[in-house]
């Protein structure tokens, strides 16, 4: 399965979704849509969060799984949380401008 790119390979800006299609009935939806907040994370961050969920949110278990220290895992999670907050804040600002 191909992984959905989230950033432009030419300029590194965030990509948007332009079209969705149902493979069952061929219905197609077109427009300009933001990726969901988790979809805007890097592939590495998405995989980190998947592993984090699989270990039921245990930083200790994540440290063991990735063979990294607990503080390193905590810092990585804090960075992802900060990225999500910035993404959500930006999204909220865009909504308020469009009102």
N, C-alpha and C. Protein backbone atom coordinates (compact mmCIF):
# COMPACT_ATOMS: atom_id res chain seq x y z
N UNK A 1 0.85 -1.18 0.00
CA UNK A 1 0.00 0.00 0.00
C UNK A 1 0.90 1.24 0.00
N UNK A 2 0.53 2.22 -0.79
CA UNK A 2 1.26 3.47 -0.84
C UNK A 2 0.89 4.33 0.36
N UNK A 3 1.86 5.10 0.85
CA UNK A 3 1.62 6.01 1.97
C UNK A 3 1.28 7.38 1.42
N UNK A 4 0.22 7.98 1.95
CA UNK A 4 -0.24 9.29 1.51
C UNK A 4 0.80 10.34 1.87
N UNK A 5 1.32 11.07 0.88
CA UNK A 5 2.26 12.15 1.20
C UNK A 5 1.52 13.29 1.89
N UNK A 6 2.20 13.96 2.81
CA UNK A 6 1.57 15.06 3.54
C UNK A 6 2.21 16.41 3.24
N UNK A 7 3.42 16.37 2.67
CA UNK A 7 4.10 17.62 2.33
C UNK A 7 4.55 17.59 0.87
N UNK A 8 4.62 18.77 0.28
CA UNK A 8 5.02 18.92 -1.12
C UNK A 8 6.49 18.54 -1.29
N UNK A 9 6.80 17.68 -2.25
CA UNK A 9 8.20 17.29 -2.45
C UNK A 9 9.05 18.43 -3.02
N UNK A 10 8.42 19.44 -3.61
CA UNK A 10 9.17 20.55 -4.20
C UNK A 10 9.48 21.65 -3.20
N UNK A 11 8.48 22.03 -2.37
CA UNK A 11 8.69 23.18 -1.46
C UNK A 11 8.48 22.85 0.01
N UNK A 12 8.08 21.61 0.31
CA UNK A 12 7.89 21.14 1.69
C UNK A 12 6.69 21.76 2.40
N UNK A 13 5.77 22.38 1.69
CA UNK A 13 4.56 22.93 2.29
C UNK A 13 3.53 21.81 2.47
N UNK A 14 2.56 22.06 3.36
CA UNK A 14 1.51 21.09 3.64
C UNK A 14 0.62 20.89 2.41
N UNK A 15 0.37 19.64 2.04
CA UNK A 15 -0.52 19.34 0.93
C UNK A 15 -1.97 19.38 1.39
N UNK A 16 -2.88 19.59 0.45
CA UNK A 16 -4.32 19.54 0.70
C UNK A 16 -4.92 18.42 -0.13
N UNK A 17 -6.06 17.97 0.28
CA UNK A 17 -6.78 16.94 -0.47
C UNK A 17 -7.66 17.64 -1.49
N UNK A 18 -7.58 17.22 -2.74
CA UNK A 18 -8.38 17.84 -3.80
C UNK A 18 -9.53 16.94 -4.25
N UNK A 19 -9.35 15.64 -4.14
CA UNK A 19 -10.36 14.73 -4.66
C UNK A 19 -10.39 13.44 -3.85
N UNK A 20 -11.60 12.93 -3.63
CA UNK A 20 -11.80 11.62 -3.00
C UNK A 20 -12.72 10.83 -3.91
N UNK A 21 -12.48 9.53 -4.00
CA UNK A 21 -13.32 8.70 -4.86
C UNK A 21 -13.70 7.40 -4.14
N UNK A 22 -14.94 7.00 -4.34
CA UNK A 22 -15.40 5.72 -3.82
C UNK A 22 -15.12 4.67 -4.89
N UNK A 23 -14.29 3.69 -4.56
CA UNK A 23 -13.96 2.65 -5.53
C UNK A 23 -15.14 1.72 -5.79
N UNK A 24 -16.12 1.71 -4.89
CA UNK A 24 -17.28 0.84 -5.05
C UNK A 24 -18.26 1.39 -6.09
N UNK A 25 -18.63 2.67 -5.96
CA UNK A 25 -19.66 3.22 -6.86
C UNK A 25 -19.15 4.34 -7.75
N UNK A 26 -17.87 4.68 -7.65
CA UNK A 26 -17.22 5.72 -8.45
C UNK A 26 -17.67 7.14 -8.13
N UNK A 27 -18.36 7.34 -7.02
CA UNK A 27 -18.69 8.70 -6.60
C UNK A 27 -17.39 9.42 -6.32
N UNK A 28 -17.30 10.67 -6.82
CA UNK A 28 -16.10 11.46 -6.61
C UNK A 28 -16.46 12.79 -5.99
N UNK A 29 -15.70 13.18 -4.98
CA UNK A 29 -15.90 14.46 -4.30
C UNK A 29 -14.66 15.30 -4.56
N UNK A 30 -14.89 16.53 -5.05
CA UNK A 30 -13.76 17.41 -5.34
C UNK A 30 -13.89 18.70 -4.55
N UNK A 31 -12.77 19.26 -4.20
CA UNK A 31 -12.72 20.51 -3.46
C UNK A 31 -11.31 20.71 -2.94
N UNK A 32 -11.15 21.58 -1.97
CA UNK A 32 -9.86 21.80 -1.34
C UNK A 32 -10.04 21.59 0.16
N UNK A 33 -9.50 20.50 0.66
CA UNK A 33 -9.70 20.11 2.05
C UNK A 33 -8.37 19.95 2.76
N UNK A 34 -8.32 20.39 4.01
CA UNK A 34 -7.15 20.15 4.84
C UNK A 34 -7.12 18.68 5.24
N UNK A 35 -5.92 18.15 5.38
CA UNK A 35 -5.78 16.82 5.96
C UNK A 35 -6.17 16.92 7.43
N UNK A 36 -6.68 15.85 8.02
CA UNK A 36 -6.97 15.89 9.46
C UNK A 36 -5.67 16.10 10.24
N UNK A 37 -5.77 16.62 11.46
CA UNK A 37 -4.55 16.93 12.22
C UNK A 37 -3.55 15.78 12.31
N UNK A 38 -4.00 14.57 12.55
CA UNK A 38 -3.06 13.45 12.65
C UNK A 38 -2.45 13.13 11.28
N UNK A 39 -3.20 13.39 10.23
CA UNK A 39 -2.69 13.17 8.88
C UNK A 39 -1.67 14.20 8.46
N UNK A 40 -1.59 15.30 9.19
CA UNK A 40 -0.62 16.34 8.89
C UNK A 40 0.72 16.09 9.56
N UNK A 41 0.77 15.08 10.42
CA UNK A 41 2.04 14.72 11.06
C UNK A 41 2.93 13.98 10.06
N UNK A 42 4.22 13.99 10.32
CA UNK A 42 5.14 13.21 9.49
C UNK A 42 4.80 11.72 9.64
N UNK A 43 5.23 10.94 8.67
CA UNK A 43 4.99 9.50 8.72
C UNK A 43 5.62 8.91 9.99
N UNK A 44 6.82 9.37 10.33
CA UNK A 44 7.47 8.87 11.55
C UNK A 44 6.64 9.16 12.79
N UNK A 45 6.08 10.37 12.87
CA UNK A 45 5.26 10.73 14.03
C UNK A 45 3.96 9.93 14.05
N UNK A 46 3.38 9.67 12.88
CA UNK A 46 2.17 8.86 12.82
C UNK A 46 2.46 7.44 13.31
N UNK A 47 3.59 6.87 12.88
CA UNK A 47 3.96 5.52 13.30
C UNK A 47 4.26 5.49 14.80
N UNK A 48 4.89 6.54 15.32
CA UNK A 48 5.15 6.64 16.75
C UNK A 48 3.82 6.59 17.52
N UNK A 49 2.83 7.38 17.06
CA UNK A 49 1.54 7.40 17.75
C UNK A 49 0.82 6.05 17.65
N UNK A 50 0.95 5.37 16.52
CA UNK A 50 0.35 4.04 16.40
C UNK A 50 0.96 3.08 17.42
N UNK A 51 2.29 3.10 17.53
CA UNK A 51 2.94 2.26 18.54
C UNK A 51 2.51 2.65 19.94
N UNK A 52 2.39 3.96 20.19
CA UNK A 52 1.98 4.47 21.50
C UNK A 52 0.59 3.95 21.87
N UNK A 53 -0.30 3.95 20.91
CA UNK A 53 -1.66 3.43 21.14
C UNK A 53 -1.60 1.92 21.41
N UNK A 54 -0.79 1.21 20.65
CA UNK A 54 -0.68 -0.24 20.81
C UNK A 54 -0.18 -0.65 22.20
N UNK A 55 0.63 0.23 22.82
CA UNK A 55 1.12 -0.07 24.17
C UNK A 55 0.27 0.64 25.22
N UNK A 56 -0.94 0.98 24.83
CA UNK A 56 -1.93 1.60 25.73
C UNK A 56 -1.44 2.90 26.37
N UNK A 57 -0.64 3.64 25.64
CA UNK A 57 -0.20 4.94 26.12
C UNK A 57 0.87 4.89 27.21
N UNK A 58 1.57 3.79 27.30
CA UNK A 58 2.61 3.65 28.32
C UNK A 58 3.95 4.16 27.79
N UNK A 59 4.42 5.26 28.37
CA UNK A 59 5.72 5.79 27.97
C UNK A 59 6.84 4.80 28.32
N UNK A 60 6.70 4.11 29.43
CA UNK A 60 7.69 3.12 29.84
C UNK A 60 7.79 2.00 28.80
N UNK A 61 6.62 1.51 28.35
CA UNK A 61 6.62 0.45 27.35
C UNK A 61 7.16 0.95 26.01
N UNK A 62 6.87 2.21 25.67
CA UNK A 62 7.39 2.79 24.43
C UNK A 62 8.92 2.87 24.49
N UNK A 63 9.44 3.27 25.65
CA UNK A 63 10.89 3.35 25.81
C UNK A 63 11.53 1.98 25.59
N UNK A 64 10.90 0.94 26.12
CA UNK A 64 11.41 -0.41 25.91
C UNK A 64 11.30 -0.84 24.46
N UNK A 65 10.16 -0.56 23.84
CA UNK A 65 9.93 -0.94 22.45
C UNK A 65 10.94 -0.30 21.51
N UNK A 66 11.18 0.99 21.70
CA UNK A 66 12.08 1.73 20.81
C UNK A 66 13.52 1.76 21.30
N UNK A 67 13.75 1.15 22.46
CA UNK A 67 15.10 1.11 23.05
C UNK A 67 15.68 2.52 23.22
N UNK A 68 14.83 3.41 23.75
CA UNK A 68 15.21 4.79 24.04
C UNK A 68 14.87 5.07 25.50
N UNK A 69 15.43 6.14 26.02
CA UNK A 69 15.15 6.49 27.41
C UNK A 69 13.73 7.05 27.55
N UNK A 70 13.20 6.92 28.76
CA UNK A 70 11.88 7.47 29.06
C UNK A 70 11.82 8.97 28.74
N UNK A 71 12.82 9.79 29.18
CA UNK A 71 12.76 11.22 28.86
C UNK A 71 12.78 11.50 27.35
N UNK A 72 13.49 10.68 26.59
CA UNK A 72 13.52 10.86 25.13
C UNK A 72 12.13 10.62 24.55
N UNK A 73 11.46 9.57 25.01
CA UNK A 73 10.10 9.27 24.54
C UNK A 73 9.15 10.39 24.96
N UNK A 74 9.27 10.86 26.19
CA UNK A 74 8.41 11.94 26.70
C UNK A 74 8.59 13.20 25.84
N UNK A 75 9.85 13.53 25.52
CA UNK A 75 10.13 14.71 24.70
C UNK A 75 9.55 14.56 23.29
N UNK A 76 9.67 13.37 22.74
CA UNK A 76 9.12 13.12 21.39
C UNK A 76 7.61 13.30 21.40
N UNK A 77 6.95 12.75 22.41
CA UNK A 77 5.50 12.89 22.52
C UNK A 77 5.12 14.35 22.72
N UNK A 78 5.87 15.07 23.54
CA UNK A 78 5.59 16.50 23.75
C UNK A 78 5.72 17.30 22.45
N UNK A 79 6.71 16.95 21.63
CA UNK A 79 6.88 17.63 20.33
C UNK A 79 5.68 17.37 19.42
N UNK A 80 5.20 16.14 19.41
CA UNK A 80 4.04 15.80 18.58
C UNK A 80 2.80 16.54 19.09
N UNK A 81 2.63 16.57 20.40
CA UNK A 81 1.49 17.29 20.99
C UNK A 81 1.55 18.76 20.61
N UNK A 82 2.72 19.37 20.68
CA UNK A 82 2.88 20.79 20.32
C UNK A 82 2.54 21.02 18.85
N UNK A 83 2.98 20.10 17.99
CA UNK A 83 2.66 20.22 16.56
C UNK A 83 1.15 20.17 16.33
N UNK A 84 0.48 19.26 17.04
CA UNK A 84 -0.98 19.14 16.90
C UNK A 84 -1.66 20.42 17.40
N UNK A 85 -1.19 20.98 18.50
CA UNK A 85 -1.77 22.22 19.03
C UNK A 85 -1.61 23.37 18.03
N UNK A 86 -0.44 23.47 17.43
CA UNK A 86 -0.20 24.53 16.44
C UNK A 86 -1.10 24.33 15.23
N UNK A 87 -1.24 23.09 14.78
CA UNK A 87 -2.11 22.78 13.65
C UNK A 87 -3.55 23.15 13.95
N UNK A 88 -4.03 22.78 15.13
CA UNK A 88 -5.40 23.09 15.53
C UNK A 88 -5.61 24.60 15.67
N UNK A 89 -4.64 25.31 16.20
CA UNK A 89 -4.73 26.76 16.36
C UNK A 89 -4.80 27.44 15.00
N UNK A 90 -3.98 26.98 14.08
CA UNK A 90 -3.98 27.52 12.72
C UNK A 90 -5.31 27.26 12.04
N UNK A 91 -5.83 26.07 12.21
CA UNK A 91 -7.13 25.71 11.62
C UNK A 91 -8.25 26.59 12.19
N UNK A 92 -8.21 26.84 13.50
CA UNK A 92 -9.22 27.68 14.15
C UNK A 92 -9.12 29.12 13.63
N UNK A 93 -7.90 29.62 13.48
CA UNK A 93 -7.71 30.97 12.96
C UNK A 93 -8.26 31.12 11.55
N UNK A 94 -8.06 30.11 10.71
CA UNK A 94 -8.59 30.14 9.34
C UNK A 94 -10.12 30.18 9.36
N UNK A 95 -10.73 29.39 10.26
CA UNK A 95 -12.20 29.37 10.36
C UNK A 95 -12.72 30.75 10.76
N UNK A 96 -12.05 31.37 11.74
CA UNK A 96 -12.50 32.69 12.22
C UNK A 96 -12.34 33.76 11.14
N UNK A 97 -11.31 33.67 10.32
CA UNK A 97 -11.12 34.62 9.21
C UNK A 97 -12.20 34.48 8.15
N UNK A 98 -12.66 33.25 7.94
CA UNK A 98 -13.65 32.98 6.90
C UNK A 98 -15.08 33.26 7.33
N UNK A 99 -15.28 33.69 8.57
CA UNK A 99 -16.64 33.99 9.04
C UNK A 99 -17.09 35.34 8.54
